[in-house]
Protein backbone atom coordinates (compact mmCIF):
# COMPACT_ATOMS: atom_id res chain seq x y z
CA VAL A 1 117.28 157.05 72.12
CA GLY A 2 120.22 154.60 72.01
CA LEU A 3 120.97 155.29 75.67
CA SER A 4 117.32 154.75 76.56
CA VAL A 5 117.30 151.39 74.76
CA CYS A 6 120.48 150.33 76.54
CA LEU A 7 119.10 151.36 79.90
CA CYS A 8 115.86 149.53 79.12
CA SER A 9 117.77 146.37 78.13
CA LEU A 10 119.93 146.65 81.25
CA SER A 11 116.85 147.08 83.42
CA SER A 12 115.23 144.03 81.82
CA ALA A 13 118.35 141.95 82.39
CA CYS A 14 118.56 143.06 86.02
CA LEU A 15 114.88 142.28 86.50
CA PHE A 16 115.37 138.80 85.01
CA LEU A 17 118.39 138.10 87.22
CA SER A 18 116.49 139.35 90.27
CA VAL A 19 113.54 137.11 89.55
CA PHE A 20 115.85 134.13 88.88
CA PHE A 21 117.75 134.75 92.12
CA LEU A 22 114.58 135.14 94.16
CA PHE A 23 113.10 131.99 92.60
CA SER A 24 116.25 129.97 93.37
CA VAL A 25 116.44 131.25 96.94
CA SER A 26 112.72 130.74 97.47
CA ASN A 27 113.02 127.08 96.42
CA LEU A 28 115.70 126.46 99.02
CA SER A 29 113.79 128.55 101.57
CA GLU A 30 110.64 126.51 100.99
CA GLU A 31 112.55 123.30 101.72
CA ILE A 32 114.05 124.77 104.90
CA ILE A 33 110.69 126.16 106.03
CA ALA A 34 109.03 122.83 105.32
CA GLN A 35 111.57 121.21 107.60
CA LYS A 36 110.54 123.50 110.48
CA ASN A 37 107.62 121.17 111.08
CA VAL A 38 109.87 118.10 111.18
CA TYR A 39 110.95 117.18 114.67
CA CYS A 40 113.25 114.58 116.18
CA SER A 41 111.79 112.63 119.10
CA ASN A 42 113.87 111.47 122.04
CA LYS A 43 112.39 109.49 124.90
CA ILE A 44 113.72 110.76 128.24
CA GLY A 45 112.30 109.48 131.51
CA GLY A 46 109.24 108.07 129.81
CA GLN A 47 108.43 111.43 128.17
CA MET A 48 108.91 112.52 124.58
CA GLU A 49 111.21 115.48 124.00
CA MET A 50 110.54 117.25 120.70
CA LYS A 51 113.58 118.75 118.96
CA GLN A 52 113.29 120.87 115.83
CA ALA A 53 115.43 119.79 112.88
CA SER A 54 118.42 122.05 112.30
CA ILE A 55 119.35 123.80 109.04
CA GLN A 56 122.39 121.50 108.87
CA ASP A 57 120.11 118.45 108.99
CA THR A 58 117.91 120.01 106.31
CA LEU A 59 120.82 120.71 103.98
CA TYR A 60 122.28 117.24 104.63
CA SER A 61 119.00 115.71 103.47
CA ARG A 62 119.85 117.02 99.98
CA VAL A 63 123.07 114.98 99.79
CA LYS A 64 122.67 111.94 97.55
CA TYR A 65 123.14 108.38 98.81
CA PRO A 66 126.40 106.71 97.82
CA ARG A 67 126.02 104.09 95.08
CA THR A 68 126.51 101.23 97.55
CA HIS A 69 123.93 102.48 100.05
CA LEU A 70 121.14 99.97 100.72
CA LYS A 71 118.37 102.47 99.91
CA GLN A 72 120.08 103.54 96.67
CA LYS A 73 120.57 99.93 95.58
CA ARG A 74 116.94 99.09 96.34
CA ALA A 75 115.66 102.17 94.49
CA THR A 76 117.82 101.32 91.47
CA THR A 77 116.46 97.76 91.42
CA LEU A 78 112.86 98.95 91.65
CA ILE A 79 113.34 101.51 88.87
CA THR A 80 114.91 98.84 86.64
CA LYS A 81 112.02 96.44 87.24
CA TYR A 82 109.51 99.22 86.59
CA VAL A 83 111.01 99.94 83.17
CA ALA A 84 111.65 96.30 82.20
CA PHE A 85 108.47 94.60 83.44
CA GLY A 86 106.23 97.44 82.31
CA MET A 87 108.03 97.62 78.93
CA HIS A 88 108.43 101.37 79.34
CA PRO A 89 110.81 103.23 76.99
CA LEU A 90 114.36 103.70 78.22
CA ARG A 91 113.92 107.47 78.03
CA THR A 92 111.59 107.21 81.04
CA VAL A 93 114.54 107.73 83.40
CA GLU A 94 115.37 110.99 81.62
CA GLU A 95 111.89 112.49 81.90
CA LYS A 96 111.61 115.35 84.36
CA GLY A 97 108.28 114.16 85.71
CA PHE A 98 109.70 110.71 86.54
CA ILE A 99 112.82 112.18 88.15
CA ASP A 100 110.66 114.59 90.20
CA LEU A 101 108.52 111.65 91.32
CA ILE A 102 111.50 109.62 92.55
CA GLU A 103 113.18 112.58 94.22
CA GLY A 104 109.87 113.61 95.75
CA LEU A 105 109.68 110.21 97.43
CA ASP A 106 113.33 110.36 98.51
CA ALA A 107 115.44 113.36 97.52
CA LYS A 108 118.67 111.46 98.24
CA VAL A 109 118.04 108.82 95.56
CA THR A 110 119.88 109.15 92.23
CA VAL A 111 117.92 107.99 89.17
CA PRO A 112 120.14 105.76 86.97
CA SER A 113 121.07 107.04 83.53
CA ARG A 114 119.58 105.67 80.34
CA LYS A 115 122.96 104.24 79.30
CA LYS A 116 123.48 102.39 82.57
CA LEU A 117 119.91 101.10 82.43
CA SER A 118 120.37 99.62 78.94
CA THR A 119 123.95 98.36 79.22
CA VAL A 120 124.19 97.21 82.83
CA LEU A 121 120.99 97.10 84.87
CA ILE A 122 118.54 95.45 82.45
CA PRO A 123 121.08 92.81 81.29
CA GLU A 124 121.79 91.99 84.95
CA LEU A 125 118.04 91.71 85.62
CA TYR A 126 117.67 89.41 82.61
CA ASP A 127 120.49 87.15 83.79
CA SER A 128 119.06 86.81 87.30
CA THR A 129 115.53 86.20 85.98
CA ARG A 130 116.79 83.66 83.45
CA GLN A 131 118.52 81.75 86.24
CA LEU A 132 115.30 81.57 88.25
CA VAL A 133 113.38 80.24 85.23
CA LEU A 134 116.10 77.69 84.50
CA GLU A 135 115.88 76.39 88.06
CA GLN A 136 112.14 75.84 87.68
CA LEU A 137 112.51 74.18 84.28
CA ASN A 138 115.17 71.84 85.67
CA VAL A 139 112.73 70.34 88.18
CA ALA A 140 109.78 70.22 85.76
CA THR A 141 109.07 66.74 84.43
CA HIS A 142 106.81 67.59 81.50
CA VAL A 143 106.73 70.75 79.40
CA ALA A 144 104.40 71.99 76.68
CA VAL A 145 105.60 74.56 74.16
CA THR A 146 103.80 77.16 72.08
CA PHE A 147 105.53 79.25 69.44
CA ASP A 148 104.70 81.63 66.64
CA LEU A 149 106.43 83.50 63.85
CA TRP A 150 105.82 87.16 63.13
CA THR A 151 107.21 89.86 60.90
CA SER A 152 108.31 93.32 62.00
CA ARG A 153 107.64 96.54 60.12
CA SER A 154 111.14 96.30 58.69
CA VAL A 155 110.20 92.85 57.32
CA ASP A 156 112.44 90.95 59.76
CA GLN A 157 111.15 87.53 60.84
CA TYR A 158 111.02 86.65 64.53
CA VAL A 159 110.10 83.56 66.51
CA GLY A 160 108.62 83.68 70.00
CA LEU A 161 108.56 80.54 72.15
CA THR A 162 106.76 80.00 75.47
CA ALA A 163 107.16 77.05 77.86
CA HIS A 164 104.25 75.84 80.01
CA PHE A 165 104.43 73.40 82.91
CA ILE A 166 102.86 72.54 86.26
CA ASN A 167 105.18 72.89 89.25
CA SER A 168 105.32 70.85 92.46
CA GLN A 169 102.64 73.08 94.03
CA PHE A 170 100.34 72.18 91.13
CA GLN A 171 100.52 75.71 89.76
CA LEU A 172 100.51 76.37 86.03
CA LYS A 173 103.60 78.34 85.00
CA SER A 174 104.22 79.97 81.62
CA TYR A 175 107.44 81.69 80.63
CA VAL A 176 108.38 83.38 77.35
CA LEU A 177 111.84 81.91 76.81
CA VAL A 178 112.86 83.79 73.68
CA ASN A 179 111.72 86.29 71.11
CA VAL A 180 114.56 86.27 68.60
CA GLU A 181 115.14 86.95 64.94
CA ILE A 182 115.22 83.94 62.66
CA PRO A 183 117.23 84.47 59.48
CA PRO A 184 115.98 83.30 56.08
CA PRO A 185 115.09 80.91 54.60
CA HIS A 186 111.93 80.48 56.67
CA THR A 187 111.22 76.93 55.57
CA GLY A 188 109.72 74.27 57.81
CA GLU A 189 113.13 72.66 58.25
CA ALA A 190 114.74 75.96 59.24
CA VAL A 191 111.99 76.73 61.76
CA ALA A 192 112.21 73.24 63.27
CA GLU A 193 115.98 73.57 63.59
CA LYS A 194 115.64 76.93 65.36
CA VAL A 195 112.99 75.60 67.77
CA GLN A 196 115.18 72.58 68.58
CA GLU A 197 118.11 74.94 69.22
CA ILE A 198 116.02 76.97 71.69
CA LEU A 199 114.79 73.86 73.52
CA THR A 200 118.37 72.59 73.87
CA GLU A 201 119.59 75.97 75.10
CA TRP A 202 117.03 75.86 77.93
CA GLY A 203 117.61 72.17 78.69
CA ILE A 204 114.07 70.98 77.99
CA GLN A 205 114.56 69.17 74.67
CA ASN A 206 113.76 65.82 76.33
CA LYS A 207 110.85 67.11 78.43
CA VAL A 208 108.58 68.52 75.72
CA GLN A 209 105.34 66.56 75.38
CA PHE A 210 103.35 68.89 73.13
CA VAL A 211 104.19 71.64 70.66
CA VAL A 212 101.44 74.05 69.59
CA ALA A 213 101.77 76.44 66.63
CA ASP A 214 99.49 78.14 64.13
CA ASN A 215 98.55 76.68 60.76
CA GLY A 216 101.29 78.43 58.80
CA ALA A 217 102.65 76.42 55.91
CA ASN A 218 106.11 76.29 57.51
CA CYS A 219 104.71 75.16 60.90
CA ILE A 220 102.52 72.22 59.82
């Protein structure tokens, strides 16, 4: 009986390895077979010569772009903007479905890690975006400001401030300048001091014509 169980276990293990091997090979085979319908075109004497892609070309297509490659840099920028502007969670870049989507569009693109996204890419995007907003605020002559205070679930107080102005093309522009924690006490004087600090930081303290807030006791 013991021998039968061992043989049965061995057979099961062999069957599993066989299936795993066949599955792995079939995945590579499917990619190579799919490439059989991809041809390179060369124009010779006004006629198109069709040349079937080689296995070497197919395997090379699996090699990732170097970090400095133009397509890799563009893909990294687009992924960063997707996460930041859409306010998607940082774990998005670790999800298999998202990685499959990116690699399905271009198998040679490497999806940036969550750590790099949070410590390098998003801060760099913030700095470049901040600079663009500063340039627009510098040429604005009049600015209106709206701000509000809110409390998080952990009972931390935050202030959000938005600047509004009309640019030289007579277009209304609105930018959220900050959304930062404001330490206690949350008195009217403390709130006014924090707002003045934000306006000075963005260089618009002498351009503000109107300030709009809610009817909170510390904002009136």
